[in-house]
Each structure stands twice: as C-alpha cells, then as structure tokens.
PDB file of N, CA and C in Angstrom:
ATOM      1  N   MET A   1       9.545   3.610  23.050  1.00  0.00           N
ATOM      2  CA  MET A   1      10.238   2.481  22.468  1.00  0.00           C
ATOM      3  C   MET A   1       9.201   1.518  21.876  1.00  0.00           C
ATOM      4  N   VAL A   2       9.519   1.006  20.722  1.00  0.00           N
ATOM      5  CA  VAL A   2       8.624   0.090  20.041  1.00  0.00           C
ATOM      6  C   VAL A   2       9.155  -1.328  20.216  1.00  0.00           C
ATOM      7  N   THR A   3       8.300  -2.216  20.672  1.00  0.00           N
ATOM      8  CA  THR A   3       8.708  -3.608  20.828  1.00  0.00           C
ATOM      9  C   THR A   3       8.666  -4.294  19.471  1.00  0.00           C
ATOM     10  N   GLY A   4       9.198  -5.489  19.408  1.00  0.00           N
ATOM     11  CA  GLY A   4       9.196  -6.237  18.153  1.00  0.00           C
ATOM     12  C   GLY A   4       7.801  -6.494  17.632  1.00  0.00           C
ATOM     13  N   LEU A   5       6.879  -6.812  18.538  1.00  0.00           N
ATOM     14  CA  LEU A   5       5.514  -7.097  18.107  1.00  0.00           C
ATOM     15  C   LEU A   5       4.811  -5.844  17.599  1.00  0.00           C
ATOM     16  N   SER A   6       4.968  -4.727  18.283  1.00  0.00           N
ATOM     17  CA  SER A   6       4.299  -3.511  17.824  1.00  0.00           C
ATOM     18  C   SER A   6       4.910  -2.997  16.529  1.00  0.00           C
ATOM     19  N   SER A   7       6.199  -3.206  16.347  1.00  0.00           N
ATOM     20  CA  SER A   7       6.841  -2.851  15.074  1.00  0.00           C
ATOM     21  C   SER A   7       6.286  -3.698  13.940  1.00  0.00           C
ATOM     22  N   THR A   8       6.111  -4.991  14.207  1.00  0.00           N
ATOM     23  CA  THR A   8       5.545  -5.894  13.208  1.00  0.00           C
ATOM     24  C   THR A   8       4.109  -5.515  12.884  1.00  0.00           C
ATOM     25  N   LEU A   9       3.335  -5.178  13.893  1.00  0.00           N
ATOM     26  CA  LEU A   9       1.947  -4.775  13.671  1.00  0.00           C
ATOM     27  C   LEU A   9       1.857  -3.476  12.876  1.00  0.00           C
ATOM     28  N   SER A  10       2.735  -2.518  13.164  1.00  0.00           N
ATOM     29  CA  SER A  10       2.713  -1.264  12.400  1.00  0.00           C
ATOM     30  C   SER A  10       3.106  -1.517  10.951  1.00  0.00           C
ATOM     31  N   SER A  11       4.001  -2.455  10.734  1.00  0.00           N
ATOM     32  CA  SER A  11       4.378  -2.816   9.371  1.00  0.00           C
ATOM     33  C   SER A  11       3.227  -3.501   8.636  1.00  0.00           C
ATOM     34  N   LEU A  12       2.511  -4.383   9.332  1.00  0.00           N
ATOM     35  CA  LEU A  12       1.337  -5.029   8.723  1.00  0.00           C
ATOM     36  C   LEU A  12       0.301  -3.986   8.309  1.00  0.00           C
ATOM     37  N   GLN A  13       0.039  -3.039   9.185  1.00  0.00           N
ATOM     38  CA  GLN A  13      -0.938  -1.995   8.874  1.00  0.00           C
ATOM     39  C   GLN A  13      -0.471  -1.133   7.707  1.00  0.00           C
ATOM     40  N   ALA A  14       0.817  -0.846   7.657  1.00  0.00           N
ATOM     41  CA  ALA A  14       1.356  -0.036   6.565  1.00  0.00           C
ATOM     42  C   ALA A  14       1.248  -0.773   5.229  1.00  0.00           C
ATOM     43  N   HIS A  15       1.580  -2.062   5.227  1.00  0.00           N
ATOM     44  CA  HIS A  15       1.460  -2.839   3.996  1.00  0.00           C
ATOM     45  C   HIS A  15      -0.009  -2.981   3.576  1.00  0.00           C
ATOM     46  N   GLU A  16      -0.891  -3.109   4.541  1.00  0.00           N
ATOM     47  CA  GLU A  16      -2.319  -3.179   4.235  1.00  0.00           C
ATOM     48  C   GLU A  16      -2.786  -1.873   3.588  1.00  0.00           C
ATOM     49  N   ARG A  17      -2.340  -0.742   4.118  1.00  0.00           N
ATOM     50  CA  ARG A  17      -2.719   0.560   3.562  1.00  0.00           C
ATOM     51  C   ARG A  17      -2.170   0.725   2.146  1.00  0.00           C
ATOM     52  N   LYS A  18      -0.945   0.262   1.935  1.00  0.00           N
ATOM     53  CA  LYS A  18      -0.339   0.372   0.601  1.00  0.00           C
ATOM     54  C   LYS A  18      -1.094  -0.495  -0.406  1.00  0.00           C
ATOM     55  N   MET A  19      -1.491  -1.694  -0.001  1.00  0.00           N
ATOM     56  CA  MET A  19      -2.234  -2.578  -0.898  1.00  0.00           C
ATOM     57  C   MET A  19      -3.619  -2.000  -1.202  1.00  0.00           C
ATOM     58  N   ALA A  20      -4.267  -1.418  -0.200  1.00  0.00           N
ATOM     59  CA  ALA A  20      -5.585  -0.810  -0.406  1.00  0.00           C
ATOM     60  C   ALA A  20      -5.482   0.375  -1.361  1.00  0.00           C
ATOM     61  N   SER A  21      -4.414   1.133  -1.246  1.00  0.00           N
ATOM     62  CA  SER A  21      -4.217   2.267  -2.140  1.00  0.00           C
ATOM     63  C   SER A  21      -4.003   1.797  -3.577  1.00  0.00           C
ATOM     64  N   SER A  22      -3.229   0.738  -3.753  1.00  0.00           N
ATOM     65  CA  SER A  22      -3.018   0.177  -5.092  1.00  0.00           C
ATOM     66  C   SER A  22      -4.326  -0.343  -5.673  1.00  0.00           C
ATOM     67  N   ALA A  23      -5.122  -1.004  -4.846  1.00  0.00           N
ATOM     68  CA  ALA A  23      -6.415  -1.513  -5.310  1.00  0.00           C
ATOM     69  C   ALA A  23      -7.332  -0.369  -5.734  1.00  0.00           C
ATOM     70  N   ASN A  24      -7.314   0.730  -4.982  1.00  0.00           N
ATOM     71  CA  ASN A  24      -8.119   1.895  -5.338  1.00  0.00           C
ATOM     72  C   ASN A  24      -7.636   2.507  -6.657  1.00  0.00           C
ATOM     73  N   ASN A  25      -6.331   2.587  -6.821  1.00  0.00           N
ATOM     74  CA  ASN A  25      -5.790   3.111  -8.075  1.00  0.00           C
ATOM     75  C   ASN A  25      -6.208   2.245  -9.254  1.00  0.00           C
ATOM     76  N   ILE A  26      -6.113   0.932  -9.085  1.00  0.00           N
ATOM     77  CA  ILE A  26      -6.488   0.014 -10.169  1.00  0.00           C
ATOM     78  C   ILE A  26      -7.979   0.132 -10.481  1.00  0.00           C
ATOM     79  N   ALA A  27      -8.798   0.285  -9.455  1.00  0.00           N
ATOM     80  CA  ALA A  27     -10.239   0.419  -9.671  1.00  0.00           C
ATOM     81  C   ALA A  27     -10.586   1.690 -10.448  1.00  0.00           C
ATOM     82  N   ASN A  28      -9.728   2.697 -10.359  1.00  0.00           N
ATOM     83  CA  ASN A  28      -9.997   3.975 -11.019  1.00  0.00           C
ATOM     84  C   ASN A  28      -9.144   4.200 -12.265  1.00  0.00           C
ATOM     85  N   VAL A  29      -8.562   3.139 -12.803  1.00  0.00           N
ATOM     86  CA  VAL A  29      -7.692   3.284 -13.964  1.00  0.00           C
ATOM     87  C   VAL A  29      -8.426   3.874 -15.164  1.00  0.00           C
ATOM     88  N   ASN A  30      -9.725   3.642 -15.279  1.00  0.00           N
ATOM     89  CA  ASN A  30     -10.502   4.168 -16.408  1.00  0.00           C
ATOM     90  C   ASN A  30     -11.354   5.374 -16.046  1.00  0.00           C
ATOM     91  N   THR A  31     -11.102   5.983 -14.899  1.00  0.00           N
ATOM     92  CA  THR A  31     -11.855   7.158 -14.473  1.00  0.00           C
ATOM     93  C   THR A  31     -11.144   8.413 -14.961  1.00  0.00           C
ATOM     94  N   ASN A  32     -11.782   9.143 -15.843  1.00  0.00           N
ATOM     95  CA  ASN A  32     -11.176  10.371 -16.375  1.00  0.00           C
ATOM     96  C   ASN A  32     -10.872  11.352 -15.249  1.00  0.00           C
ATOM     97  N   GLY A  33      -9.678  11.933 -15.301  1.00  0.00           N
ATOM     98  CA  GLY A  33      -9.276  12.943 -14.332  1.00  0.00           C
ATOM     99  C   GLY A  33      -8.783  12.405 -13.000  1.00  0.00           C
ATOM    100  N   TYR A  34      -8.808  11.093 -12.816  1.00  0.00           N
ATOM    101  CA  TYR A  34      -8.365  10.519 -11.533  1.00  0.00           C
ATOM    102  C   TYR A  34      -6.848  10.651 -11.397  1.00  0.00           C
ATOM    103  N   LYS A  35      -6.405  11.093 -10.239  1.00  0.00           N
ATOM    104  CA  LYS A  35      -4.975  11.185  -9.915  1.00  0.00           C
ATOM    105  C   LYS A  35      -4.642  10.102  -8.905  1.00  0.00           C
ATOM    106  N   ARG A  36      -3.655   9.302  -9.218  1.00  0.00           N
ATOM    107  CA  ARG A  36      -3.330   8.142  -8.386  1.00  0.00           C
ATOM    108  C   ARG A  36      -2.737   8.551  -7.040  1.00  0.00           C
ATOM    109  N   ASP A  37      -2.968   7.689  -6.047  1.00  0.00           N
ATOM    110  CA  ASP A  37      -2.362   7.858  -4.729  1.00  0.00           C
ATOM    111  C   ASP A  37      -1.009   7.166  -4.728  1.00  0.00           C
ATOM    112  N   GLN A  38      -0.034   7.814  -4.141  1.00  0.00           N
ATOM    113  CA  GLN A  38       1.283   7.208  -3.960  1.00  0.00           C
ATOM    114  C   GLN A  38       1.499   6.996  -2.472  1.00  0.00           C
ATOM    115  N   VAL A  39       1.951   5.791  -2.122  1.00  0.00           N
ATOM    116  CA  VAL A  39       2.215   5.450  -0.728  1.00  0.00           C
ATOM    117  C   VAL A  39       3.694   5.126  -0.582  1.00  0.00           C
ATOM    118  N   VAL A  40       4.329   5.769   0.388  1.00  0.00           N
ATOM    119  CA  VAL A  40       5.732   5.512   0.691  1.00  0.00           C
ATOM    120  C   VAL A  40       5.811   5.051   2.137  1.00  0.00           C
ATOM    121  N   LEU A  41       6.478   3.928   2.353  1.00  0.00           N
ATOM    122  CA  LEU A  41       6.685   3.414   3.707  1.00  0.00           C
ATOM    123  C   LEU A  41       8.053   3.874   4.190  1.00  0.00           C
ATOM    124  N   ALA A  42       8.108   4.334   5.435  1.00  0.00           N
ATOM    125  CA  ALA A  42       9.366   4.807   6.000  1.00  0.00           C
ATOM    126  C   ALA A  42       9.438   4.428   7.470  1.00  0.00           C
ATOM    127  N   GLU A  43      10.645   4.354   7.970  1.00  0.00           N
ATOM    128  CA  GLU A  43      10.839   4.041   9.382  1.00  0.00           C
ATOM    129  C   GLU A  43      10.539   5.271  10.222  1.00  0.00           C
ATOM    130  N   GLY A  44       9.748   5.079  11.265  1.00  0.00           N
ATOM    131  CA  GLY A  44       9.434   6.165  12.181  1.00  0.00           C
ATOM    132  C   GLY A  44      10.559   6.372  13.173  1.00  0.00           C
ATOM    133  N   GLU A  45      10.454   7.412  13.971  1.00  0.00           N
ATOM    134  CA  GLU A  45      11.487   7.730  14.951  1.00  0.00           C
ATOM    135  C   GLU A  45      11.641   6.634  16.002  1.00  0.00           C
ATOM    136  N   ALA A  46      10.558   5.948  16.309  1.00  0.00           N
ATOM    137  CA  ALA A  46      10.590   4.923  17.354  1.00  0.00           C
ATOM    138  C   ALA A  46      10.832   3.522  16.791  1.00  0.00           C
ATOM    139  N   GLY A  47      11.141   3.413  15.504  1.00  0.00           N
ATOM    140  CA  GLY A  47      11.382   2.103  14.918  1.00  0.00           C
ATOM    141  C   GLY A  47      10.156   1.473  14.307  1.00  0.00           C
ATOM    142  N   ASP A  48       9.045   2.183  14.323  1.00  0.00           N
ATOM    143  CA  ASP A  48       7.825   1.658  13.711  1.00  0.00           C
ATOM    144  C   ASP A  48       7.811   2.007  12.217  1.00  0.00           C
ATOM    145  N   VAL A  49       6.789   1.569  11.518  1.00  0.00           N
ATOM    146  CA  VAL A  49       6.675   1.843  10.085  1.00  0.00           C
ATOM    147  C   VAL A  49       5.613   2.918   9.886  1.00  0.00           C
ATOM    148  N   ARG A  50       5.980   3.970   9.190  1.00  0.00           N
ATOM    149  CA  ARG A  50       5.081   5.093   8.916  1.00  0.00           C
ATOM    150  C   ARG A  50       4.638   5.063   7.456  1.00  0.00           C
ATOM    151  N   VAL A  51       3.421   5.516   7.224  1.00  0.00           N
ATOM    152  CA  VAL A  51       2.870   5.585   5.876  1.00  0.00           C
ATOM    153  C   VAL A  51       2.759   7.048   5.470  1.00  0.00           C
ATOM    154  N   HIS A  52       3.337   7.376   4.326  1.00  0.00           N
ATOM    155  CA  HIS A  52       3.223   8.719   3.770  1.00  0.00           C
ATOM    156  C   HIS A  52       2.414   8.598   2.487  1.00  0.00           C
ATOM    157  N   LEU A  53       1.256   9.247   2.454  1.00  0.00           N
ATOM    158  CA  LEU A  53       0.336   9.170   1.325  1.00  0.00           C
ATOM    159  C   LEU A  53       0.267  10.533   0.658  1.00  0.00           C
ATOM    160  N   ARG A  54       0.371  10.523  -0.675  1.00  0.00           N
ATOM    161  CA  ARG A  54       0.220  11.777  -1.410  1.00  0.00           C
ATOM    162  C   ARG A  54      -0.390  11.493  -2.771  1.00  0.00           C
ATOM    163  N   LYS A  55      -0.995  12.501  -3.352  1.00  0.00           N
ATOM    164  CA  LYS A  55      -1.566  12.399  -4.697  1.00  0.00           C
ATOM    165  C   LYS A  55      -0.468  12.673  -5.717  1.00  0.00           C
ATOM    166  N   ASP A  56      -0.452  11.876  -6.773  1.00  0.00           N
ATOM    167  CA  ASP A  56       0.455  12.101  -7.891  1.00  0.00           C
ATOM    168  C   ASP A  56      -0.247  13.055  -8.845  1.00  0.00           C
ATOM    169  N   LEU A  57       0.201  14.283  -8.886  1.00  0.00           N
ATOM    170  CA  LEU A  57      -0.461  15.311  -9.690  1.00  0.00           C
ATOM    171  C   LEU A  57       0.138  15.443 -11.086  1.00  0.00           C
ATOM    172  N   SER A  58       0.924  14.461 -11.492  1.00  0.00           N
ATOM    173  CA  SER A  58       1.501  14.531 -12.831  1.00  0.00           C
ATOM    174  C   SER A  58       0.394  14.467 -13.882  1.00  0.00           C
ATOM    175  N   PRO A  59       0.604  15.154 -14.996  1.00  0.00           N
ATOM    176  CA  PRO A  59      -0.443  15.181 -16.017  1.00  0.00           C
ATOM    177  C   PRO A  59      -0.623  13.827 -16.693  1.00  0.00           C
ATOM    178  N   ALA A  60      -1.836  13.574 -17.105  1.00  0.00           N
ATOM    179  CA  ALA A  60      -2.175  12.351 -17.828  1.00  0.00           C
ATOM    180  C   ALA A  60      -2.504  12.726 -19.268  1.00  0.00           C
ATOM    181  N   PRO A  61      -2.492  11.760 -20.158  1.00  0.00           N
ATOM    182  CA  PRO A  61      -2.847  12.081 -21.544  1.00  0.00           C
ATOM    183  C   PRO A  61      -4.303  12.518 -21.666  1.00  0.00           C
ATOM    184  N   GLN A  62      -4.570  13.255 -22.708  1.00  0.00           N
ATOM    185  CA  GLN A  62      -5.933  13.707 -22.981  1.00  0.00           C
ATOM    186  C   GLN A  62      -6.711  12.609 -23.697  1.00  0.00           C
ATOM    187  N   ASP A  63      -8.000  12.558 -23.439  1.00  0.00           N
ATOM    188  CA  ASP A  63      -8.880  11.584 -24.096  1.00  0.00           C
ATOM    189  C   ASP A  63      -9.191  12.079 -25.503  1.00  0.00           C
ATOM    190  N   PRO A  64      -8.710  11.365 -26.532  1.00  0.00           N
ATOM    191  CA  PRO A  64      -8.940  11.838 -27.901  1.00  0.00           C
ATOM    192  C   PRO A  64     -10.404  11.721 -28.329  1.00  0.00           C
ATOM    193  N   LEU A  65     -11.199  10.923 -27.627  1.00  0.00           N
ATOM    194  CA  LEU A  65     -12.597  10.730 -27.996  1.00  0.00           C
ATOM    195  C   LEU A  65     -13.562  11.616 -27.212  1.00  0.00           C
ATOM    196  N   ALA A  66     -13.032  12.416 -26.288  1.00  0.00           N
ATOM    197  CA  ALA A  66     -13.902  13.254 -25.454  1.00  0.00           C
ATOM    198  C   ALA A  66     -14.444  14.426 -26.270  1.00  0.00           C
ATOM    199  N   PRO A  67     -15.697  14.779 -26.029  1.00  0.00           N
ATOM    200  CA  PRO A  67     -16.260  15.930 -26.747  1.00  0.00           C
ATOM    201  C   PRO A  67     -15.609  17.223 -26.262  1.00  0.00           C
ATOM    202  N   GLU A  68     -15.544  18.209 -27.126  1.00  0.00           N
ATOM    203  CA  GLU A  68     -14.947  19.503 -26.784  1.00  0.00           C
ATOM    204  C   GLU A  68     -16.000  20.421 -26.180  1.00  0.00           C
ATOM    205  N   ALA A  69     -16.573  20.001 -25.059  1.00  0.00           N
ATOM    206  CA  ALA A  69     -17.601  20.809 -24.404  1.00  0.00           C
ATOM    207  C   ALA A  69     -17.063  21.349 -23.088  1.00  0.00           C
ATOM    208  N   PRO A  70     -17.472  22.556 -22.704  1.00  0.00           N
ATOM    209  CA  PRO A  70     -17.008  23.093 -21.417  1.00  0.00           C
ATOM    210  C   PRO A  70     -17.514  22.246 -20.252  1.00  0.00           C
ATOM    211  N   GLY A  71     -16.656  22.046 -19.280  1.00  0.00           N
ATOM    212  CA  GLY A  71     -17.039  21.291 -18.099  1.00  0.00           C
ATOM    213  C   GLY A  71     -16.901  19.786 -18.247  1.00  0.00           C
ATOM    214  N   VAL A  72     -16.482  19.309 -19.423  1.00  0.00           N
ATOM    215  CA  VAL A  72     -16.308  17.882 -19.647  1.00  0.00           C
ATOM    216  C   VAL A  72     -14.838  17.536 -19.417  1.00  0.00           C
ATOM    217  N   GLU A  73     -14.605  16.584 -18.526  1.00  0.00           N
ATOM    218  CA  GLU A  73     -13.236  16.162 -18.197  1.00  0.00           C
ATOM    219  C   GLU A  73     -12.639  15.396 -19.366  1.00  0.00           C
ATOM    220  N   THR A  74     -11.542  15.904 -19.918  1.00  0.00           N
ATOM    221  CA  THR A  74     -10.921  15.242 -21.070  1.00  0.00           C
ATOM    222  C   THR A  74      -9.593  14.580 -20.721  1.00  0.00           C
ATOM    223  N   GLU A  75      -9.106  14.804 -19.493  1.00  0.00           N
ATOM    224  CA  GLU A  75      -7.848  14.187 -19.091  1.00  0.00           C
ATOM    225  C   GLU A  75      -8.121  12.770 -18.578  1.00  0.00           C
ATOM    226  N   LEU A  76      -7.348  11.812 -19.057  1.00  0.00           N
ATOM    227  CA  LEU A  76      -7.487  10.424 -18.604  1.00  0.00           C
ATOM    228  C   LEU A  76      -6.866  10.269 -17.218  1.00  0.00           C
ATOM    229  N   SER A  77      -6.970   9.108 -16.652  1.00  0.00           N
ATOM    230  CA  SER A  77      -6.348   8.784 -15.370  1.00  0.00           C
ATOM    231  C   SER A  77      -4.831   8.692 -15.554  1.00  0.00           C
ATOM    232  N   ASN A  78      -4.067   9.066 -14.532  1.00  0.00           N
ATOM    233  CA  ASN A  78      -2.613   8.928 -14.616  1.00  0.00           C
ATOM    234  C   ASN A  78      -2.114   7.638 -13.950  1.00  0.00           C
ATOM    235  N   VAL A  79      -2.987   6.646 -13.818  1.00  0.00           N
ATOM    236  CA  VAL A  79      -2.629   5.356 -13.224  1.00  0.00           C
ATOM    237  C   VAL A  79      -2.005   4.469 -14.301  1.00  0.00           C
ATOM    238  N   ASP A  80      -0.814   3.948 -14.014  1.00  0.00           N
ATOM    239  CA  ASP A  80      -0.161   2.994 -14.897  1.00  0.00           C
ATOM    240  C   ASP A  80      -0.421   1.599 -14.322  1.00  0.00           C
ATOM    241  N   LEU A  81      -1.225   0.824 -15.018  1.00  0.00           N
ATOM    242  CA  LEU A  81      -1.652  -0.482 -14.513  1.00  0.00           C
ATOM    243  C   LEU A  81      -0.462  -1.414 -14.275  1.00  0.00           C
ATOM    244  N   ALA A  82       0.495  -1.433 -15.179  1.00  0.00           N
ATOM    245  CA  ALA A  82       1.675  -2.297 -15.015  1.00  0.00           C
ATOM    246  C   ALA A  82       2.485  -1.889 -13.791  1.00  0.00           C
ATOM    247  N   ASP A  83       2.587  -0.595 -13.558  1.00  0.00           N
ATOM    248  CA  ASP A  83       3.309  -0.085 -12.390  1.00  0.00           C
ATOM    249  C   ASP A  83       2.622  -0.506 -11.096  1.00  0.00           C
ATOM    250  N   GLU A  84       1.309  -0.385 -11.070  1.00  0.00           N
ATOM    251  CA  GLU A  84       0.544  -0.758  -9.880  1.00  0.00           C
ATOM    252  C   GLU A  84       0.661  -2.257  -9.593  1.00  0.00           C
ATOM    253  N   MET A  85       0.513  -3.078 -10.630  1.00  0.00           N
ATOM    254  CA  MET A  85       0.559  -4.531 -10.441  1.00  0.00           C
ATOM    255  C   MET A  85       1.949  -4.985  -9.981  1.00  0.00           C
ATOM    256  N   SER A  86       2.992  -4.431 -10.583  1.00  0.00           N
ATOM    257  CA  SER A  86       4.343  -4.831 -10.168  1.00  0.00           C
ATOM    258  C   SER A  86       4.684  -4.297  -8.780  1.00  0.00           C
ATOM    259  N   GLY A  87       4.094  -3.174  -8.382  1.00  0.00           N
ATOM    260  CA  GLY A  87       4.318  -2.637  -7.039  1.00  0.00           C
ATOM    261  C   GLY A  87       3.622  -3.437  -5.955  1.00  0.00           C
ATOM    262  N   MET A  88       2.604  -4.200  -6.331  1.00  0.00           N
ATOM    263  CA  MET A  88       1.878  -5.001  -5.347  1.00  0.00           C
ATOM    264  C   MET A  88       2.670  -6.247  -4.919  1.00  0.00           C
ATOM    265  N   ILE A  89       3.605  -6.687  -5.744  1.00  0.00           N
ATOM    266  CA  ILE A  89       4.376  -7.897  -5.430  1.00  0.00           C
ATOM    267  C   ILE A  89       5.224  -7.711  -4.168  1.00  0.00           C
ATOM    268  N   PRO A  90       6.070  -6.675  -4.077  1.00  0.00           N
ATOM    269  CA  PRO A  90       6.843  -6.519  -2.827  1.00  0.00           C
ATOM    270  C   PRO A  90       5.960  -6.199  -1.621  1.00  0.00           C
ATOM    271  N   THR A  91       4.828  -5.560  -1.855  1.00  0.00           N
ATOM    272  CA  THR A  91       3.908  -5.280  -0.748  1.00  0.00           C
ATOM    273  C   THR A  91       3.359  -6.583  -0.191  1.00  0.00           C
ATOM    274  N   GLU A  92       2.976  -7.497  -1.075  1.00  0.00           N
ATOM    275  CA  GLU A  92       2.475  -8.805  -0.636  1.00  0.00           C
ATOM    276  C   GLU A  92       3.555  -9.587   0.108  1.00  0.00           C
ATOM    277  N   ILE A  93       4.774  -9.554  -0.402  1.00  0.00           N
ATOM    278  CA  ILE A  93       5.879 -10.273   0.241  1.00  0.00           C
ATOM    279  C   ILE A  93       6.163  -9.694   1.632  1.00  0.00           C
ATOM    280  N   GLY A  94       6.152  -8.370   1.751  1.00  0.00           N
ATOM    281  CA  GLY A  94       6.364  -7.731   3.051  1.00  0.00           C
ATOM    282  C   GLY A  94       5.276  -8.094   4.048  1.00  0.00           C
ATOM    283  N   TYR A  95       4.042  -8.143   3.566  1.00  0.00           N
ATOM    284  CA  TYR A  95       2.919  -8.506   4.431  1.00  0.00           C
ATOM    285  C   TYR A  95       3.080  -9.936   4.926  1.00  0.00           C
ATOM    286  N   LYS A  96       3.407 -10.859   4.012  1.00  0.00           N
ATOM    287  CA  LYS A  96       3.576 -12.265   4.396  1.00  0.00           C
ATOM    288  C   LYS A  96       4.745 -12.447   5.359  1.00  0.00           C
ATOM    289  N   ALA A  97       5.826 -11.698   5.172  1.00  0.00           N
ATOM    290  CA  ALA A  97       6.974 -11.804   6.070  1.00  0.00           C
ATOM    291  C   ALA A  97       6.615 -11.373   7.482  1.00  0.00           C
ATOM    292  N   ASN A  98       5.835 -10.321   7.596  1.00  0.00           N
ATOM    293  CA  ASN A  98       5.413  -9.864   8.925  1.00  0.00           C
ATOM    294  C   ASN A  98       4.434 -10.826   9.570  1.00  0.00           C
ATOM    295  N   LEU A  99       3.569 -11.437   8.773  1.00  0.00           N
ATOM    296  CA  LEU A  99       2.676 -12.475   9.322  1.00  0.00           C
ATOM    297  C   LEU A  99       3.481 -13.656   9.845  1.00  0.00           C
ATOM    298  N   LYS A 100       4.529 -14.023   9.118  1.00  0.00           N
ATOM    299  CA  LYS A 100       5.379 -15.142   9.545  1.00  0.00           C
ATOM    300  C   LYS A 100       6.081 -14.803  10.865  1.00  0.00           C
ATOM    301  N   THR A 101       6.453 -13.552  11.042  1.00  0.00           N
ATOM    302  CA  THR A 101       7.073 -13.126  12.299  1.00  0.00           C
ATOM    303  C   THR A 101       6.119 -13.328  13.474  1.00  0.00           C
ATOM    304  N   ILE A 102       4.863 -12.955  13.282  1.00  0.00           N
ATOM    305  CA  ILE A 102       3.864 -13.132  14.346  1.00  0.00           C
ATOM    306  C   ILE A 102       3.617 -14.617  14.598  1.00  0.00           C
ATOM    307  N   GLN A 103       3.548 -15.401  13.542  1.00  0.00           N
ATOM    308  CA  GLN A 103       3.335 -16.844  13.687  1.00  0.00           C
ATOM    309  C   GLN A 103       4.499 -17.489  14.446  1.00  0.00           C
ATOM    310  N   THR A 104       5.718 -17.104  14.124  1.00  0.00           N
ATOM    311  CA  THR A 104       6.894 -17.659  14.808  1.00  0.00           C
ATOM    312  C   THR A 104       6.892 -17.266  16.282  1.00  0.00           C
ATOM    313  N   ARG A 105       6.524 -16.018  16.589  1.00  0.00           N
ATOM    314  CA  ARG A 105       6.447 -15.584  17.987  1.00  0.00           C
ATOM    315  C   ARG A 105       5.413 -16.407  18.750  1.00  0.00           C
ATOM    316  N   ASP A 106       4.282 -16.648  18.112  1.00  0.00           N
ATOM    317  CA  ASP A 106       3.219 -17.443  18.724  1.00  0.00           C
ATOM    318  C   ASP A 106       3.703 -18.872  18.999  1.00  0.00           C
ATOM    319  N   GLU A 107       4.408 -19.452  18.040  1.00  0.00           N
ATOM    320  CA  GLU A 107       4.939 -20.808  18.230  1.00  0.00           C
ATOM    321  C   GLU A 107       5.969 -20.846  19.355  1.00  0.00           C
ATOM    322  N   MET A 108       6.805 -19.810  19.452  1.00  0.00           N
ATOM    323  CA  MET A 108       7.824 -19.755  20.504  1.00  0.00           C
ATOM    324  C   MET A 108       7.163 -19.683  21.885  1.00  0.00           C
ATOM    325  N   ILE A 109       6.127 -18.868  22.006  1.00  0.00           N
ATOM    326  CA  ILE A 109       5.418 -18.764  23.287  1.00  0.00           C
ATOM    327  C   ILE A 109       4.741 -20.079  23.624  1.00  0.00           C
ATOM    328  N   GLY A 110       4.164 -20.750  22.623  1.00  0.00           N
ATOM    329  CA  GLY A 110       3.536 -22.053  22.828  1.00  0.00           C
ATOM    330  C   GLY A 110       4.546 -23.089  23.314  1.00  0.00           C
ATOM    331  N   THR A 111       5.726 -23.087  22.701  1.00  0.00           N
ATOM    332  CA  THR A 111       6.785 -24.017  23.124  1.00  0.00           C
ATOM    333  C   THR A 111       7.232 -23.715  24.550  1.00  0.00           C
ATOM    334  N   LEU A 112       7.366 -22.456  24.869  1.00  0.00           N
ATOM    335  CA  LEU A 112       7.764 -22.069  26.218  1.00  0.00           C
ATOM    336  C   LEU A 112       6.733 -22.505  27.248  1.00  0.00           C
ATOM    337  N   LEU A 113       5.460 -22.307  26.940  1.00  0.00           N
ATOM    338  CA  LEU A 113       4.402 -22.731  27.859  1.00  0.00           C
ATOM    339  C   LEU A 113       4.362 -24.240  27.999  1.00  0.00           C
ATOM    340  N   ASP A 114       4.581 -24.966  26.904  1.00  0.00           N
ATOM    341  CA  ASP A 114       4.629 -26.435  26.988  1.00  0.00           C
ATOM    342  C   ASP A 114       5.789 -26.910  27.839  1.00  0.00           C
ATOM    343  N   THR A 115       6.911 -26.203  27.745  1.00  0.00           N
ATOM    344  CA  THR A 115       8.081 -26.582  28.533  1.00  0.00           C
ATOM    345  C   THR A 115       7.860 -26.328  30.016  1.00  0.00           C
ATOM    346  N   LEU A 116       7.242 -25.214  30.342  1.00  0.00           N
ATOM    347  CA  LEU A 116       7.022 -24.867  31.747  1.00  0.00           C
ATOM    348  C   LEU A 116       5.876 -25.636  32.383  1.00  0.00           C
ATOM    349  N   ALA A 117       4.941 -26.101  31.578  1.00  0.00           N
ATOM    350  CA  ALA A 117       3.753 -26.754  32.137  1.00  0.00           C
ATOM    351  C   ALA A 117       3.964 -28.194  32.434  1.00  0.00           C
TER     352      ALA A 117
END
C-alpha cells in the first residue's frame, strides 16, 4: 500500500524524470540522427506513479545540406521543439502541485505539534 506521502514523492520523481527527458531532447534538437525520448506517466498497481520511457523511432527529415558520403548521418533529429516546450508546461504544473501537497502536509504537522505542545 502506498501512503499519500510516498505517492506524492513518486509523482515528484516521475515529473522530474519527464522534465529531464524533455531537456535532453531539446539539447539534442540539432543533433543529426538523434531520436527523441518519450516519457509516459501512469498509475502503478499500488497507487504510485510509474514512468514509461521509450525512444521515438519515427523517421526524421533528411538534411539537404549533408554530403552524399558513406557513413555520414544525413537524417536530422526527430525532436519537435514546439512539442517539447508545450509538453513541459503540464509537467511543471504537476511538479508544483505535488510540492504544494508536501508543503501543506508539513504545515498541518506543524499546527498539530503547536496544538499539542
């Protein structure tokens, strides 16, 4: 069984992993032949948040300026910068919401201790 705090922590870690993956994709937007990472968050069996990571193997456009030499990578990156940037917005919001949950729990415990002391 997953408690509320451990569920929140697993969600924070999942959102952190998703943001790191987006940052890596953005950093490699101009790397020929780079295939972007896709991260999907899903609920685990115990109520925690699971991260599913896979490579997007869809083809990218060819580099029209690349030389026609054997062994030279002519396929561009399949990273869509607009897609990555817009995908980071809900990830940031999810991360902040989980941080607020931890902050509220901390305040509740503080109030309880003040009341009992």
